[in-house]
Amino acid sequence: MRAVAKTSKQKVTVTWAEAPAEHDYPSAESFLRLIAEPAQVQACLILLAEAPTTHQAAKDILRASRLPLLPSTDPEVAKDLKKVSLQTPLSPILLVRGDIAEGRPLQIADGYHRVCASYQLDEDTSIPCRLVTLPAAAATPPESGHAP
């Protein structure tokens, strides 16, 4: 899968893998554990693995996530830009949908540096991604120190 990213100098072709790399899921899990309950994380990982791949513009992903654009000098962004120049396929990114009513932004569970590298080439770069909605947390009664 290829996406053409325009720069002021020349067109750059970003090559994308068909599916996320296996190591992307543990990376996503590590991040998601910081913002979600364990059961939600596991359900989210299953949903991400099964979700169809869609495409979103780099600029829209950054805007929805409310994350800053990392510079091309960031070591991980630079590594991804080098992969692009070598025509090494980049892995699709893993996203968890935000909630506009709750003010929760889109979460880039894995692939933030790839988004920034793609944006550096062209803000309109079409990025393949897996997008899921965070499952609702199971309601659990608050713990009390008293036996019934």
N, C-alpha and C. Protein backbone atom coordinates (compact mmCIF):
# COMPACT_ATOMS: atom_id res chain seq x y z
N MET A 1 0.86 -1.15 0.00
CA MET A 1 0.00 0.00 0.00
C MET A 1 0.91 1.22 0.00
N ARG A 2 0.66 2.16 -0.92
CA ARG A 2 1.50 3.34 -1.03
C ARG A 2 0.66 4.60 -0.92
N ALA A 3 1.22 5.60 -0.31
CA ALA A 3 0.59 6.91 -0.26
C ALA A 3 1.63 7.92 -0.70
N VAL A 4 1.25 8.83 -1.57
CA VAL A 4 2.19 9.83 -2.04
C VAL A 4 2.09 11.05 -1.13
N ALA A 5 3.22 11.46 -0.61
CA ALA A 5 3.30 12.65 0.22
C ALA A 5 4.09 13.69 -0.56
N LYS A 6 3.55 14.89 -0.67
CA LYS A 6 4.23 15.94 -1.42
C LYS A 6 5.10 16.77 -0.48
N THR A 7 6.26 17.11 -0.94
CA THR A 7 7.11 18.06 -0.24
C THR A 7 7.42 19.18 -1.20
N SER A 8 8.01 20.25 -0.70
CA SER A 8 8.32 21.37 -1.58
C SER A 8 9.38 20.97 -2.61
N LYS A 9 10.17 19.96 -2.33
CA LYS A 9 11.24 19.55 -3.22
C LYS A 9 10.77 18.51 -4.24
N GLN A 10 10.09 17.49 -3.76
CA GLN A 10 9.70 16.38 -4.62
C GLN A 10 8.59 15.58 -3.95
N LYS A 11 8.02 14.68 -4.73
CA LYS A 11 7.02 13.79 -4.14
C LYS A 11 7.73 12.61 -3.50
N VAL A 12 7.26 12.26 -2.32
CA VAL A 12 7.83 11.13 -1.59
C VAL A 12 6.74 10.09 -1.46
N THR A 13 7.06 8.86 -1.76
CA THR A 13 6.09 7.80 -1.63
C THR A 13 6.28 7.10 -0.29
N VAL A 14 5.24 7.11 0.52
CA VAL A 14 5.27 6.40 1.79
C VAL A 14 4.67 5.03 1.55
N THR A 15 5.43 4.02 1.89
CA THR A 15 4.96 2.65 1.74
C THR A 15 4.46 2.17 3.09
N TRP A 16 3.28 1.57 3.09
CA TRP A 16 2.67 1.08 4.33
C TRP A 16 2.51 -0.43 4.28
N ALA A 17 2.72 -1.07 5.41
CA ALA A 17 2.47 -2.51 5.53
C ALA A 17 0.96 -2.73 5.49
N GLU A 18 0.56 -3.91 5.14
CA GLU A 18 -0.87 -4.24 5.07
C GLU A 18 -1.53 -4.32 6.44
N ALA A 19 -0.75 -4.73 7.45
CA ALA A 19 -1.31 -4.90 8.79
C ALA A 19 -0.29 -4.41 9.82
N PRO A 20 -0.76 -4.04 11.00
CA PRO A 20 0.18 -3.64 12.06
C PRO A 20 1.15 -4.78 12.38
N ALA A 21 2.35 -4.41 12.80
CA ALA A 21 3.35 -5.39 13.20
C ALA A 21 2.93 -6.01 14.54
N GLU A 22 3.33 -7.24 14.76
CA GLU A 22 2.97 -7.92 16.01
C GLU A 22 3.44 -7.15 17.24
N HIS A 23 4.61 -6.50 17.15
CA HIS A 23 5.12 -5.78 18.31
C HIS A 23 4.36 -4.48 18.59
N ASP A 24 3.48 -4.06 17.66
CA ASP A 24 2.68 -2.86 17.90
C ASP A 24 1.63 -3.08 18.99
N TYR A 25 1.14 -4.29 19.10
CA TYR A 25 0.08 -4.57 20.08
C TYR A 25 0.59 -4.50 21.52
N PRO A 26 1.76 -5.07 21.86
CA PRO A 26 2.27 -4.89 23.22
C PRO A 26 2.58 -3.41 23.52
N SER A 27 3.04 -2.67 22.50
CA SER A 27 3.29 -1.23 22.70
C SER A 27 1.98 -0.51 22.99
N ALA A 28 0.93 -0.84 22.24
CA ALA A 28 -0.38 -0.25 22.48
C ALA A 28 -0.88 -0.63 23.88
N GLU A 29 -0.69 -1.88 24.26
CA GLU A 29 -1.13 -2.33 25.58
C GLU A 29 -0.43 -1.54 26.68
N SER A 30 0.87 -1.33 26.54
CA SER A 30 1.63 -0.59 27.53
C SER A 30 1.06 0.81 27.72
N PHE A 31 0.71 1.47 26.61
CA PHE A 31 0.12 2.80 26.69
C PHE A 31 -1.30 2.74 27.28
N LEU A 32 -2.11 1.84 26.77
CA LEU A 32 -3.51 1.78 27.19
C LEU A 32 -3.67 1.45 28.67
N ARG A 33 -2.72 0.70 29.23
CA ARG A 33 -2.78 0.38 30.67
C ARG A 33 -2.74 1.64 31.53
N LEU A 34 -2.21 2.72 30.96
CA LEU A 34 -2.11 3.98 31.71
C LEU A 34 -3.42 4.76 31.72
N ILE A 35 -4.32 4.44 30.81
CA ILE A 35 -5.55 5.24 30.70
C ILE A 35 -6.83 4.44 30.81
N ALA A 36 -6.72 3.12 30.94
CA ALA A 36 -7.93 2.29 30.97
C ALA A 36 -7.75 1.13 31.95
N GLU A 37 -8.89 0.59 32.35
CA GLU A 37 -8.91 -0.57 33.24
C GLU A 37 -8.40 -1.80 32.48
N PRO A 38 -7.82 -2.78 33.19
CA PRO A 38 -7.27 -3.97 32.53
C PRO A 38 -8.25 -4.69 31.59
N ALA A 39 -9.50 -4.82 32.01
CA ALA A 39 -10.49 -5.50 31.14
C ALA A 39 -10.74 -4.69 29.87
N GLN A 40 -10.78 -3.37 30.00
CA GLN A 40 -10.96 -2.51 28.83
C GLN A 40 -9.76 -2.64 27.88
N VAL A 41 -8.57 -2.69 28.45
CA VAL A 41 -7.35 -2.81 27.64
C VAL A 41 -7.39 -4.09 26.83
N GLN A 42 -7.70 -5.20 27.48
CA GLN A 42 -7.73 -6.48 26.78
C GLN A 42 -8.80 -6.49 25.69
N ALA A 43 -9.97 -5.95 26.00
CA ALA A 43 -11.04 -5.88 24.99
C ALA A 43 -10.62 -4.99 23.83
N CYS A 44 -9.96 -3.90 24.14
CA CYS A 44 -9.52 -2.96 23.11
C CYS A 44 -8.49 -3.63 22.20
N LEU A 45 -7.56 -4.39 22.75
CA LEU A 45 -6.54 -5.07 21.95
C LEU A 45 -7.18 -6.08 21.00
N ILE A 46 -8.19 -6.79 21.47
CA ILE A 46 -8.90 -7.74 20.61
C ILE A 46 -9.60 -6.98 19.48
N LEU A 47 -10.26 -5.88 19.83
CA LEU A 47 -10.94 -5.08 18.81
C LEU A 47 -9.95 -4.52 17.79
N LEU A 48 -8.80 -4.05 18.25
CA LEU A 48 -7.79 -3.51 17.33
C LEU A 48 -7.28 -4.59 16.38
N ALA A 49 -7.07 -5.78 16.89
CA ALA A 49 -6.57 -6.87 16.05
C ALA A 49 -7.59 -7.26 14.98
N GLU A 50 -8.87 -7.11 15.29
CA GLU A 50 -9.94 -7.53 14.36
C GLU A 50 -10.48 -6.39 13.50
N ALA A 51 -10.15 -5.16 13.83
CA ALA A 51 -10.72 -3.99 13.14
C ALA A 51 -10.23 -3.91 11.70
N PRO A 52 -11.09 -3.44 10.81
CA PRO A 52 -10.63 -3.23 9.43
C PRO A 52 -9.68 -2.03 9.39
N THR A 53 -8.85 -2.01 8.40
CA THR A 53 -7.95 -0.88 8.21
C THR A 53 -8.68 0.21 7.45
N THR A 54 -8.64 1.42 7.98
CA THR A 54 -9.22 2.59 7.32
C THR A 54 -8.09 3.59 7.10
N HIS A 55 -8.40 4.70 6.48
CA HIS A 55 -7.39 5.73 6.22
C HIS A 55 -7.85 7.08 6.74
N GLN A 56 -6.91 7.79 7.35
CA GLN A 56 -7.17 9.13 7.87
C GLN A 56 -5.98 10.01 7.52
N ALA A 57 -6.23 11.30 7.31
CA ALA A 57 -5.16 12.25 7.03
C ALA A 57 -4.33 12.49 8.29
N ALA A 58 -3.03 12.64 8.11
CA ALA A 58 -2.12 12.89 9.24
C ALA A 58 -2.58 14.09 10.05
N LYS A 59 -2.97 15.17 9.36
CA LYS A 59 -3.38 16.39 10.07
C LYS A 59 -4.61 16.16 10.93
N ASP A 60 -5.54 15.34 10.46
CA ASP A 60 -6.75 15.07 11.23
C ASP A 60 -6.46 14.22 12.46
N ILE A 61 -5.55 13.27 12.31
CA ILE A 61 -5.17 12.43 13.46
C ILE A 61 -4.53 13.28 14.54
N LEU A 62 -3.62 14.16 14.15
CA LEU A 62 -2.98 15.02 15.14
C LEU A 62 -3.98 15.97 15.80
N ARG A 63 -4.87 16.55 15.01
CA ARG A 63 -5.86 17.47 15.57
C ARG A 63 -6.77 16.74 16.55
N ALA A 64 -7.26 15.57 16.17
CA ALA A 64 -8.19 14.83 17.03
C ALA A 64 -7.51 14.32 18.30
N SER A 65 -6.22 14.04 18.22
CA SER A 65 -5.51 13.53 19.40
C SER A 65 -5.05 14.66 20.33
N ARG A 66 -5.04 15.87 19.80
CA ARG A 66 -4.56 17.04 20.56
C ARG A 66 -3.10 16.92 20.97
N LEU A 67 -2.34 16.12 20.23
CA LEU A 67 -0.92 15.96 20.49
C LEU A 67 -0.13 16.92 19.62
N PRO A 68 1.03 17.36 20.10
CA PRO A 68 1.85 18.25 19.28
C PRO A 68 2.57 17.47 18.18
N LEU A 69 2.88 18.17 17.12
CA LEU A 69 3.69 17.59 16.05
C LEU A 69 5.13 17.51 16.55
N LEU A 70 5.68 16.32 16.57
CA LEU A 70 7.08 16.16 16.95
C LEU A 70 7.96 16.57 15.77
N PRO A 71 9.11 17.18 16.04
CA PRO A 71 9.98 17.63 14.96
C PRO A 71 10.68 16.46 14.26
N SER A 72 11.16 16.73 13.06
CA SER A 72 11.87 15.69 12.30
C SER A 72 13.17 15.30 12.99
N THR A 73 13.63 16.11 13.94
CA THR A 73 14.85 15.79 14.68
C THR A 73 14.61 14.84 15.85
N ASP A 74 13.34 14.60 16.19
CA ASP A 74 13.04 13.61 17.24
C ASP A 74 13.60 12.27 16.77
N PRO A 75 14.35 11.55 17.62
CA PRO A 75 15.00 10.31 17.18
C PRO A 75 14.06 9.28 16.54
N GLU A 76 12.88 9.10 17.12
CA GLU A 76 11.95 8.10 16.55
C GLU A 76 11.32 8.59 15.25
N VAL A 77 11.02 9.88 15.17
CA VAL A 77 10.48 10.45 13.93
C VAL A 77 11.54 10.35 12.84
N ALA A 78 12.78 10.69 13.17
CA ALA A 78 13.88 10.60 12.21
C ALA A 78 14.06 9.17 11.71
N LYS A 79 13.90 8.21 12.61
CA LYS A 79 14.02 6.79 12.23
C LYS A 79 12.93 6.43 11.21
N ASP A 80 11.70 6.91 11.45
CA ASP A 80 10.61 6.62 10.51
C ASP A 80 10.81 7.34 9.18
N LEU A 81 11.33 8.57 9.21
CA LEU A 81 11.61 9.29 7.97
C LEU A 81 12.68 8.56 7.16
N LYS A 82 13.65 7.99 7.84
CA LYS A 82 14.69 7.21 7.14
C LYS A 82 14.06 5.97 6.50
N LYS A 83 13.15 5.31 7.21
CA LYS A 83 12.46 4.15 6.64
C LYS A 83 11.72 4.54 5.37
N VAL A 84 11.07 5.71 5.39
CA VAL A 84 10.36 6.19 4.21
C VAL A 84 11.34 6.38 3.05
N SER A 85 12.49 6.99 3.32
CA SER A 85 13.46 7.23 2.26
C SER A 85 14.02 5.93 1.69
N LEU A 86 14.06 4.89 2.51
CA LEU A 86 14.52 3.57 2.07
C LEU A 86 13.38 2.72 1.51
N GLN A 87 12.19 3.28 1.48
CA GLN A 87 10.97 2.60 1.03
C GLN A 87 10.66 1.35 1.85
N THR A 88 11.01 1.42 3.14
CA THR A 88 10.65 0.36 4.07
C THR A 88 9.22 0.62 4.53
N PRO A 89 8.35 -0.37 4.44
CA PRO A 89 6.95 -0.14 4.83
C PRO A 89 6.81 0.24 6.30
N LEU A 90 5.98 1.24 6.54
CA LEU A 90 5.62 1.64 7.91
C LEU A 90 4.38 0.86 8.33
N SER A 91 4.28 0.60 9.59
CA SER A 91 3.15 -0.14 10.12
C SER A 91 1.94 0.78 10.29
N PRO A 92 0.74 0.32 9.92
CA PRO A 92 -0.47 1.11 10.20
C PRO A 92 -0.55 1.43 11.69
N ILE A 93 -1.25 2.50 12.02
CA ILE A 93 -1.30 2.93 13.41
C ILE A 93 -2.55 2.40 14.11
N LEU A 94 -2.51 2.38 15.42
CA LEU A 94 -3.60 1.86 16.24
C LEU A 94 -4.22 3.02 17.02
N LEU A 95 -5.52 3.24 16.80
CA LEU A 95 -6.22 4.37 17.38
C LEU A 95 -7.41 3.94 18.22
N VAL A 96 -7.66 4.71 19.29
CA VAL A 96 -8.86 4.53 20.11
C VAL A 96 -9.63 5.84 20.01
N ARG A 97 -10.86 5.72 19.54
CA ARG A 97 -11.72 6.89 19.29
C ARG A 97 -11.91 7.72 20.55
N GLY A 98 -11.90 9.03 20.37
CA GLY A 98 -12.19 9.95 21.47
C GLY A 98 -13.69 10.05 21.69
N ASP A 99 -14.07 10.93 22.59
CA ASP A 99 -15.48 11.16 22.87
C ASP A 99 -15.69 12.66 22.99
N ILE A 100 -16.32 13.25 21.99
CA ILE A 100 -16.50 14.70 21.96
C ILE A 100 -17.37 15.19 23.13
N ALA A 101 -18.37 14.41 23.52
CA ALA A 101 -19.25 14.81 24.62
C ALA A 101 -18.51 14.85 25.95
N GLU A 102 -17.55 13.94 26.12
CA GLU A 102 -16.78 13.90 27.37
C GLU A 102 -15.48 14.69 27.28
N GLY A 103 -15.18 15.22 26.10
CA GLY A 103 -13.95 15.97 25.92
C GLY A 103 -12.70 15.11 25.89
N ARG A 104 -12.90 13.83 25.60
CA ARG A 104 -11.76 12.89 25.54
C ARG A 104 -11.23 12.86 24.12
N PRO A 105 -9.94 13.18 23.93
CA PRO A 105 -9.37 13.17 22.58
C PRO A 105 -9.12 11.76 22.06
N LEU A 106 -8.93 11.67 20.77
CA LEU A 106 -8.47 10.43 20.14
C LEU A 106 -7.17 10.01 20.80
N GLN A 107 -7.00 8.72 21.02
CA GLN A 107 -5.76 8.20 21.59
C GLN A 107 -4.99 7.44 20.51
N ILE A 108 -3.74 7.82 20.32
CA ILE A 108 -2.87 7.07 19.42
C ILE A 108 -2.22 6.00 20.30
N ALA A 109 -2.80 4.81 20.27
CA ALA A 109 -2.31 3.72 21.11
C ALA A 109 -0.93 3.25 20.65
N ASP A 110 -0.68 3.30 19.35
CA ASP A 110 0.64 3.00 18.80
C ASP A 110 0.75 3.70 17.45
N GLY A 111 1.89 4.38 17.25
CA GLY A 111 2.14 4.99 15.95
C GLY A 111 2.29 6.50 15.95
N TYR A 112 2.40 7.13 17.10
CA TYR A 112 2.52 8.58 17.18
C TYR A 112 3.69 9.09 16.33
N HIS A 113 4.84 8.44 16.43
CA HIS A 113 6.00 8.89 15.67
C HIS A 113 5.79 8.71 14.17
N ARG A 114 5.08 7.65 13.78
CA ARG A 114 4.80 7.45 12.35
C ARG A 114 3.86 8.53 11.84
N VAL A 115 2.90 8.95 12.66
CA VAL A 115 1.99 10.04 12.28
C VAL A 115 2.81 11.32 12.08
N CYS A 116 3.69 11.61 13.02
CA CYS A 116 4.49 12.84 12.93
C CYS A 116 5.43 12.81 11.73
N ALA A 117 6.03 11.67 11.47
CA ALA A 117 6.91 11.55 10.29
C ALA A 117 6.10 11.76 9.02
N SER A 118 4.93 11.16 8.94
CA SER A 118 4.08 11.32 7.76
C SER A 118 3.66 12.77 7.58
N TYR A 119 3.30 13.42 8.66
CA TYR A 119 2.90 14.83 8.62
C TYR A 119 4.06 15.69 8.14
N GLN A 120 5.27 15.37 8.57
CA GLN A 120 6.45 16.13 8.14
C GLN A 120 6.59 16.11 6.62
N LEU A 121 6.19 15.02 5.99
CA LEU A 121 6.28 14.90 4.54
C LEU A 121 5.13 15.62 3.85
N ASP A 122 3.93 15.48 4.42
CA ASP A 122 2.74 16.14 3.87
C ASP A 122 1.62 15.97 4.88
N GLU A 123 1.05 17.07 5.32
CA GLU A 123 -0.01 17.01 6.33
C GLU A 123 -1.23 16.23 5.86
N ASP A 124 -1.38 16.10 4.54
CA ASP A 124 -2.52 15.37 3.99
C ASP A 124 -2.23 13.89 3.74
N THR A 125 -1.05 13.42 4.15
CA THR A 125 -0.71 12.01 3.95
C THR A 125 -1.83 11.13 4.50
N SER A 126 -2.28 10.20 3.70
CA SER A 126 -3.32 9.25 4.10
C SER A 126 -2.64 8.10 4.86
N ILE A 127 -3.01 7.96 6.12
CA ILE A 127 -2.37 6.97 6.99
C ILE A 127 -3.33 5.82 7.26
N PRO A 128 -2.91 4.59 6.96
CA PRO A 128 -3.77 3.45 7.31
C PRO A 128 -3.78 3.26 8.82
N CYS A 129 -4.95 3.00 9.35
CA CYS A 129 -5.08 2.85 10.80
C CYS A 129 -6.19 1.87 11.14
N ARG A 130 -6.09 1.38 12.35
CA ARG A 130 -7.16 0.59 12.94
C ARG A 130 -7.77 1.48 14.00
N LEU A 131 -9.07 1.73 13.89
CA LEU A 131 -9.77 2.64 14.80
C LEU A 131 -10.87 1.90 15.53
N VAL A 132 -10.82 1.94 16.87
CA VAL A 132 -11.84 1.27 17.67
C VAL A 132 -12.35 2.22 18.76
N THR A 133 -13.49 1.86 19.31
CA THR A 133 -14.07 2.59 20.42
C THR A 133 -13.73 1.86 21.71
N LEU A 134 -13.27 2.60 22.70
CA LEU A 134 -12.94 2.01 24.00
C LEU A 134 -14.19 1.40 24.60
N PRO A 135 -14.14 0.11 24.96
CA PRO A 135 -15.31 -0.50 25.59
C PRO A 135 -15.59 0.15 26.95
N ALA A 136 -16.84 0.21 27.33
CA ALA A 136 -17.22 0.78 28.62
C ALA A 136 -16.64 -0.06 29.74
N ALA A 137 -16.21 0.61 30.79
CA ALA A 137 -15.67 -0.10 31.96
C ALA A 137 -16.82 -0.77 32.68
N ALA A 138 -16.57 -1.95 33.19
CA ALA A 138 -17.58 -2.66 33.97
C ALA A 138 -17.77 -1.93 35.30
N ALA A 139 -19.00 -1.73 35.66
CA ALA A 139 -19.28 -1.05 36.92
C ALA A 139 -18.96 -2.00 38.07
N THR A 140 -18.14 -1.52 38.97
CA THR A 140 -17.82 -2.32 40.15
C THR A 140 -18.18 -1.51 41.39
N PRO A 141 -18.75 -2.16 42.37
CA PRO A 141 -19.12 -1.42 43.58
C PRO A 141 -17.87 -0.94 44.30
N PRO A 142 -17.94 0.23 44.92
CA PRO A 142 -16.77 0.71 45.66
C PRO A 142 -16.47 -0.21 46.84
N GLU A 143 -15.19 -0.34 47.11
CA GLU A 143 -14.80 -1.20 48.23
C GLU A 143 -15.03 -0.45 49.54
N SER A 144 -15.48 -1.19 50.50
CA SER A 144 -15.61 -0.58 51.83
C SER A 144 -14.83 -1.43 52.80
N GLY A 145 -14.46 -0.82 53.86
CA GLY A 145 -13.67 -1.55 54.86
C GLY A 145 -14.55 -2.32 55.83
N HIS A 146 -15.86 -2.35 55.56
CA HIS A 146 -16.79 -3.00 56.49
C HIS A 146 -17.37 -4.27 55.89
N ALA A 147 -17.43 -5.28 56.68
CA ALA A 147 -18.09 -6.52 56.24
C ALA A 147 -19.59 -6.32 56.36
N PRO A 148 -20.39 -6.92 55.48
CA PRO A 148 -21.85 -6.74 55.55
C PRO A 148 -22.45 -7.34 56.79
